[in-house]
C-alpha cells in the first residue's frame, strides 16, 4: 500500500477507523513481549487492592493499537515522524467480555511536510487517549 497523496486529503477527512478487542490473554501476551508484568494488568485482586475498578490494559498497548490504523494506511511505519498522546482514562478489561477500543483517525493539519492525524480513541464511549496526534510524511 502506498501513502495517500497530499492533494487527495483535506482537513477533517476521516482516513482510518478500527476496533480492537483486548482480552486478558492479550494482556498476558503483551506483558511477555514488553516485560511489564505489573499484576494490575492481569490480577483482579491486586487491581482491587490498589483501588482500581478492575484489571487495566497497559497504556503502551493502548497507545500502540491506536496508531496501527495510521500505519496500515501509510503502508510504512517509517513515515511516522512523531506520535504523542495523553493517557486520560484506563481501559478496564473484563475477564469474560474483554474490552473493545475504537480508533478514528482524522486529518488535523496538512502542510508541505505531511500531515498531522488526530486520533480519537475510545472505550465504552469515553476517550482514553487525549491529544493523540500522529505526524506523518505523505507522498507529494
Protein backbone atom coordinates (compact mmCIF):
# COMPACT_ATOMS: atom_id res chain seq x y z
CA UNK A 1 0.00 0.00 0.00
CA UNK A 2 1.25 3.50 -0.74
CA UNK A 3 0.70 6.55 1.39
CA UNK A 4 -2.14 8.85 0.38
CA UNK A 5 -1.31 11.87 -1.75
CA UNK A 6 -1.40 15.26 -0.04
CA UNK A 7 -3.55 16.59 -2.87
CA UNK A 8 -6.21 13.96 -2.13
CA UNK A 9 -6.68 14.95 1.52
CA UNK A 10 -8.44 17.79 3.28
CA UNK A 11 -8.52 18.75 6.93
CA UNK A 12 -11.34 16.88 8.63
CA UNK A 13 -11.17 13.78 6.42
CA UNK A 14 -11.52 10.50 8.31
CA UNK A 15 -8.69 8.42 6.89
CA UNK A 16 -8.91 5.28 9.03
CA UNK A 17 -11.12 3.58 11.62
CA UNK A 18 -10.62 0.39 13.59
CA UNK A 19 -11.77 -1.52 16.64
CA UNK A 20 -9.54 -3.74 18.73
CA UNK A 21 -10.77 -6.38 21.17
CA UNK A 22 -8.48 -6.76 24.15
CA UNK A 23 -8.79 -9.86 26.30
CA UNK A 24 -6.97 -10.98 29.40
CA UNK A 25 -4.94 -13.22 27.07
CA UNK A 26 -3.95 -10.11 25.09
CA UNK A 27 -2.64 -8.53 28.29
CA UNK A 28 -0.59 -11.57 29.24
CA UNK A 29 0.93 -11.73 25.76
CA UNK A 30 1.74 -8.02 25.86
CA UNK A 31 3.28 -8.39 29.32
CA UNK A 32 5.56 -11.10 27.95
CA UNK A 33 6.55 -9.03 24.93
CA UNK A 34 7.09 -5.79 26.84
CA UNK A 35 8.43 -7.13 30.13
CA UNK A 36 5.74 -5.19 32.03
CA UNK A 37 4.49 -7.79 34.50
CA UNK A 38 2.77 -5.36 36.87
CA UNK A 39 -0.05 -7.51 38.31
CA UNK A 40 -2.64 -4.73 37.86
CA UNK A 41 -2.63 -5.89 34.25
CA UNK A 42 -3.71 -9.45 34.97
CA UNK A 43 -4.85 -9.95 38.60
CA UNK A 44 -8.21 -8.67 39.82
CA UNK A 45 -7.24 -8.97 43.48
CA UNK A 46 -4.17 -6.78 43.07
CA UNK A 47 -6.08 -4.22 40.99
CA UNK A 48 -8.73 -4.04 43.73
CA UNK A 49 -6.10 -3.72 46.48
CA UNK A 50 -4.74 -0.55 44.86
CA UNK A 51 -8.21 0.90 44.32
CA UNK A 52 -8.68 0.16 40.64
CA UNK A 53 -12.08 -0.88 39.24
CA UNK A 54 -10.52 -3.90 37.54
CA UNK A 55 -7.58 -5.15 35.54
CA UNK A 56 -6.20 -2.42 33.27
CA UNK A 57 -4.82 -2.70 29.77
CA UNK A 58 -1.24 -1.50 29.53
CA UNK A 59 -1.14 2.15 28.47
CA UNK A 60 1.55 1.46 25.90
CA UNK A 61 -0.52 -1.37 24.43
CA UNK A 62 -3.46 1.01 24.01
CA UNK A 63 -1.14 3.62 22.51
CA UNK A 64 0.31 1.09 20.07
CA UNK A 65 -3.09 -0.15 18.96
CA UNK A 66 -4.28 3.42 18.42
CA UNK A 67 -1.58 4.25 15.88
CA UNK A 68 -1.90 0.96 13.98
CA UNK A 69 -4.69 2.08 11.59
CA UNK A 70 -2.49 5.01 10.52
CA UNK A 71 0.50 2.73 9.98
CA UNK A 72 -1.72 0.41 7.93
CA UNK A 73 -2.93 3.37 5.86
CA UNK A 74 0.61 4.55 5.19
CA UNK A 75 1.96 1.08 4.49
CA UNK A 76 5.24 2.04 6.14
CA UNK A 77 5.83 2.74 9.84
CA UNK A 78 8.88 4.78 8.79
CA UNK A 79 6.52 7.51 7.59
CA UNK A 80 5.51 8.24 11.20
CA UNK A 81 7.58 11.25 12.20
CA UNK A 82 6.10 11.90 15.66
CA UNK A 83 3.45 10.36 17.87
CA UNK A 84 2.22 11.68 21.19
CA UNK A 85 -0.73 11.03 23.48
CA UNK A 86 -2.01 11.85 26.94
CA UNK A 87 -3.43 8.99 28.96
CA UNK A 88 -6.82 10.20 30.20
CA UNK A 89 -8.73 7.08 31.31
CA UNK A 90 -7.85 3.44 31.85
CA UNK A 91 -9.16 0.61 29.70
CA UNK A 92 -10.70 -1.94 32.08
CA UNK A 93 -10.51 -5.44 30.60
CA UNK A 94 -13.42 -7.61 31.72
CA UNK A 95 -12.39 -11.24 32.43
CA UNK A 96 -15.21 -12.58 30.23
CA UNK A 97 -16.06 -9.92 27.64
CA UNK A 98 -12.70 -8.19 27.30
CA UNK A 99 -12.64 -4.57 26.18
CA UNK A 100 -13.12 -3.04 22.76
CA UNK A 101 -11.05 0.04 21.94
CA UNK A 102 -12.25 2.13 18.99
CA UNK A 103 -10.00 4.39 16.93
CA UNK A 104 -10.94 7.10 14.43
CA UNK A 105 -8.11 8.84 12.56
CA UNK A 106 -8.87 12.24 11.09
CA UNK A 107 -6.69 14.75 9.23
CA UNK A 108 -5.99 17.62 11.62
CA UNK A 109 -3.43 19.60 9.64
CA UNK A 110 -1.77 19.49 6.22
CA UNK A 111 1.41 21.17 5.08
CA UNK A 112 4.22 20.57 2.61
CA UNK A 113 5.97 18.21 5.01
CA UNK A 114 2.98 15.91 5.51
CA UNK A 115 0.01 15.70 7.83
CA UNK A 116 -1.00 15.66 11.44
CA UNK A 117 -3.51 12.90 12.03
CA UNK A 118 -5.68 13.34 15.11
CA UNK A 119 -6.80 10.14 16.78
CA UNK A 120 -9.99 9.73 18.76
CA UNK A 121 -9.51 6.66 20.93
CA UNK A 122 -12.46 5.47 23.00
CA UNK A 123 -13.55 2.67 25.30
CA UNK A 124 -17.22 2.35 26.24
CA UNK A 125 -17.85 5.79 24.73
CA UNK A 126 -15.18 7.55 26.82
CA UNK A 127 -11.96 8.99 25.43
CA UNK A 128 -8.97 7.07 26.78
CA UNK A 129 -6.17 8.90 24.96
CA UNK A 130 -6.26 12.67 24.84
CA UNK A 131 -4.45 14.87 22.33
CA UNK A 132 -3.45 11.75 20.42
CA UNK A 133 -1.65 13.05 17.36
CA UNK A 134 0.48 11.38 14.72
CA UNK A 135 2.65 13.47 12.40
CA UNK A 136 3.25 11.60 9.14
CA UNK A 137 5.17 12.08 5.92
CA UNK A 138 2.99 11.66 2.84
CA UNK A 139 3.69 11.45 -0.87
CA UNK A 140 3.72 14.87 -2.52
